[in-house]
Each structure stands twice: as structure tokens, then as C-alpha cells.
C-alpha atoms as a PDB file:
ATOM      1  CA  UNK A   1      13.565   9.118 -21.208  1.00  0.00           C
ATOM      2  CA  UNK A   2      11.366   5.890 -22.118  1.00  0.00           C
ATOM      3  CA  UNK A   3      13.163   3.978 -19.355  1.00  0.00           C
ATOM      4  CA  UNK A   4      12.450   6.681 -16.762  1.00  0.00           C
ATOM      5  CA  UNK A   5       8.724   6.753 -17.716  1.00  0.00           C
ATOM      6  CA  UNK A   6       8.757   2.999 -17.543  1.00  0.00           C
ATOM      7  CA  UNK A   7      10.174   3.016 -14.111  1.00  0.00           C
ATOM      8  CA  UNK A   8       7.499   5.712 -13.071  1.00  0.00           C
ATOM      9  CA  UNK A   9       4.721   3.515 -14.519  1.00  0.00           C
ATOM     10  CA  UNK A  10       5.929   0.551 -12.585  1.00  0.00           C
ATOM     11  CA  UNK A  11       6.129   2.491  -9.399  1.00  0.00           C
ATOM     12  CA  UNK A  12       2.618   3.882  -9.858  1.00  0.00           C
ATOM     13  CA  UNK A  13       1.264   0.333 -10.571  1.00  0.00           C
ATOM     14  CA  UNK A  14       3.023  -1.009  -7.474  1.00  0.00           C
ATOM     15  CA  UNK A  15       1.412   1.773  -5.399  1.00  0.00           C
ATOM     16  CA  UNK A  16      -1.929   1.194  -6.995  1.00  0.00           C
ATOM     17  CA  UNK A  17      -1.768  -2.501  -5.916  1.00  0.00           C
ATOM     18  CA  UNK A  18      -0.618  -1.599  -2.519  1.00  0.00           C
ATOM     19  CA  UNK A  19      -3.491   0.746  -1.946  1.00  0.00           C
ATOM     20  CA  UNK A  20      -5.915  -1.769  -3.183  1.00  0.00           C
ATOM     21  CA  UNK A  21      -4.559  -4.257  -0.570  1.00  0.00           C
ATOM     22  CA  UNK A  22      -4.927  -1.556   2.152  1.00  0.00           C
ATOM     23  CA  UNK A  23      -8.667  -1.011   1.105  1.00  0.00           C
ATOM     24  CA  UNK A  24      -9.231  -4.860   1.353  1.00  0.00           C
ATOM     25  CA  UNK A  25      -7.602  -4.844   4.867  1.00  0.00           C
ATOM     26  CA  UNK A  26      -9.687  -1.983   5.972  1.00  0.00           C
ATOM     27  CA  UNK A  27     -12.760  -3.636   4.812  1.00  0.00           C
ATOM     28  CA  UNK A  28     -11.669  -6.916   6.593  1.00  0.00           C
ATOM     29  CA  UNK A  29     -10.996  -4.919   9.756  1.00  0.00           C
ATOM     30  CA  UNK A  30     -14.380  -3.202   9.672  1.00  0.00           C
ATOM     31  CA  UNK A  31     -16.080  -6.408   9.393  1.00  0.00           C
ATOM     32  CA  UNK A  32     -14.094  -7.774  12.328  1.00  0.00           C
ATOM     33  CA  UNK A  33     -15.057  -4.626  14.357  1.00  0.00           C
ATOM     34  CA  UNK A  34     -18.639  -5.227  13.488  1.00  0.00           C
ATOM     35  CA  UNK A  35     -18.383  -8.871  14.589  1.00  0.00           C
ATOM     36  CA  UNK A  36     -16.363  -7.965  17.669  1.00  0.00           C
ATOM     37  CA  UNK A  37     -13.428 -10.238  16.755  1.00  0.00           C
ATOM     38  CA  UNK A  38     -10.475  -8.683  18.396  1.00  0.00           C
ATOM     39  CA  UNK A  39      -7.964 -11.202  17.174  1.00  0.00           C
ATOM     40  CA  UNK A  40      -8.853 -10.349  13.560  1.00  0.00           C
ATOM     41  CA  UNK A  41      -8.822  -6.758  14.315  1.00  0.00           C
ATOM     42  CA  UNK A  42      -5.300  -6.973  15.757  1.00  0.00           C
ATOM     43  CA  UNK A  43      -3.996  -9.126  12.723  1.00  0.00           C
ATOM     44  CA  UNK A  44      -5.534  -6.317  10.318  1.00  0.00           C
ATOM     45  CA  UNK A  45      -3.825  -3.613  12.329  1.00  0.00           C
ATOM     46  CA  UNK A  46      -0.351  -5.268  12.119  1.00  0.00           C
ATOM     47  CA  UNK A  47      -0.914  -5.999   8.410  1.00  0.00           C
ATOM     48  CA  UNK A  48      -1.941  -2.413   7.700  1.00  0.00           C
ATOM     49  CA  UNK A  49       1.130  -1.161   9.514  1.00  0.00           C
ATOM     50  CA  UNK A  50       3.466  -3.348   7.467  1.00  0.00           C
ATOM     51  CA  UNK A  51       1.512  -2.307   4.265  1.00  0.00           C
ATOM     52  CA  UNK A  52       1.875   1.402   4.884  1.00  0.00           C
ATOM     53  CA  UNK A  53       5.521   0.969   5.379  1.00  0.00           C
ATOM     54  CA  UNK A  54       5.657  -0.689   1.950  1.00  0.00           C
ATOM     55  CA  UNK A  55       3.651   2.179   0.478  1.00  0.00           C
ATOM     56  CA  UNK A  56       6.086   4.669   1.924  1.00  0.00           C
ATOM     57  CA  UNK A  57       9.148   2.962   0.436  1.00  0.00           C
ATOM     58  CA  UNK A  58       7.272   2.632  -3.040  1.00  0.00           C
ATOM     59  CA  UNK A  59       6.488   6.346  -2.783  1.00  0.00           C
ATOM     60  CA  UNK A  60      10.155   7.113  -2.018  1.00  0.00           C
ATOM     61  CA  UNK A  61      11.066   5.223  -5.227  1.00  0.00           C
ATOM     62  CA  UNK A  62       8.566   7.154  -7.208  1.00  0.00           C
ATOM     63  CA  UNK A  63       9.656  10.485  -5.784  1.00  0.00           C
ATOM     64  CA  UNK A  64      13.267   9.664  -6.967  1.00  0.00           C
ATOM     65  CA  UNK A  65      12.128   8.529 -10.407  1.00  0.00           C
ATOM     66  CA  UNK A  66      10.082  11.706 -10.740  1.00  0.00           C
ATOM     67  CA  UNK A  67      12.858  13.957  -9.582  1.00  0.00           C
ATOM     68  CA  UNK A  68      15.169  12.426 -12.300  1.00  0.00           C
ATOM     69  CA  UNK A  69      12.670  13.331 -15.082  1.00  0.00           C
END
């Protein structure tokens, strides 16, 4: 049981880190929009898409761990 809880904790920590990265990307994107920097906006958009996919994968792991509790 402790091992499963540790796994859940690790998943939640990973999700927290990924969401913080997403927040920073959104802030960077907003700044690029204000400055009309289309290159940075595009970079942020691509990075957000990749990050959202990482979040989906980690969320799937969390769901598996939670289901096994």
C-alpha cells in the first residue's frame, strides 16, 4: 500500500511540475502576443501542445495508480 501511495505522490508531483511549466509557457506566450512576436507565439504554441501531451500521459498513470488503491 505504501508503494502505491508513493507512486501516486510521484505522479502528482510530476503533474504539478508539468502544470507549472504550462503556466510559464502561457505567460511567455502572452508576453509575445503583447509584443507582436509571432515567432515566439508559434514556439510557445508548439511547446504547449507537447506539454499537454505529457500531462495527458502522466494523468493516465495517475488514474492507473488510483484505480489500484
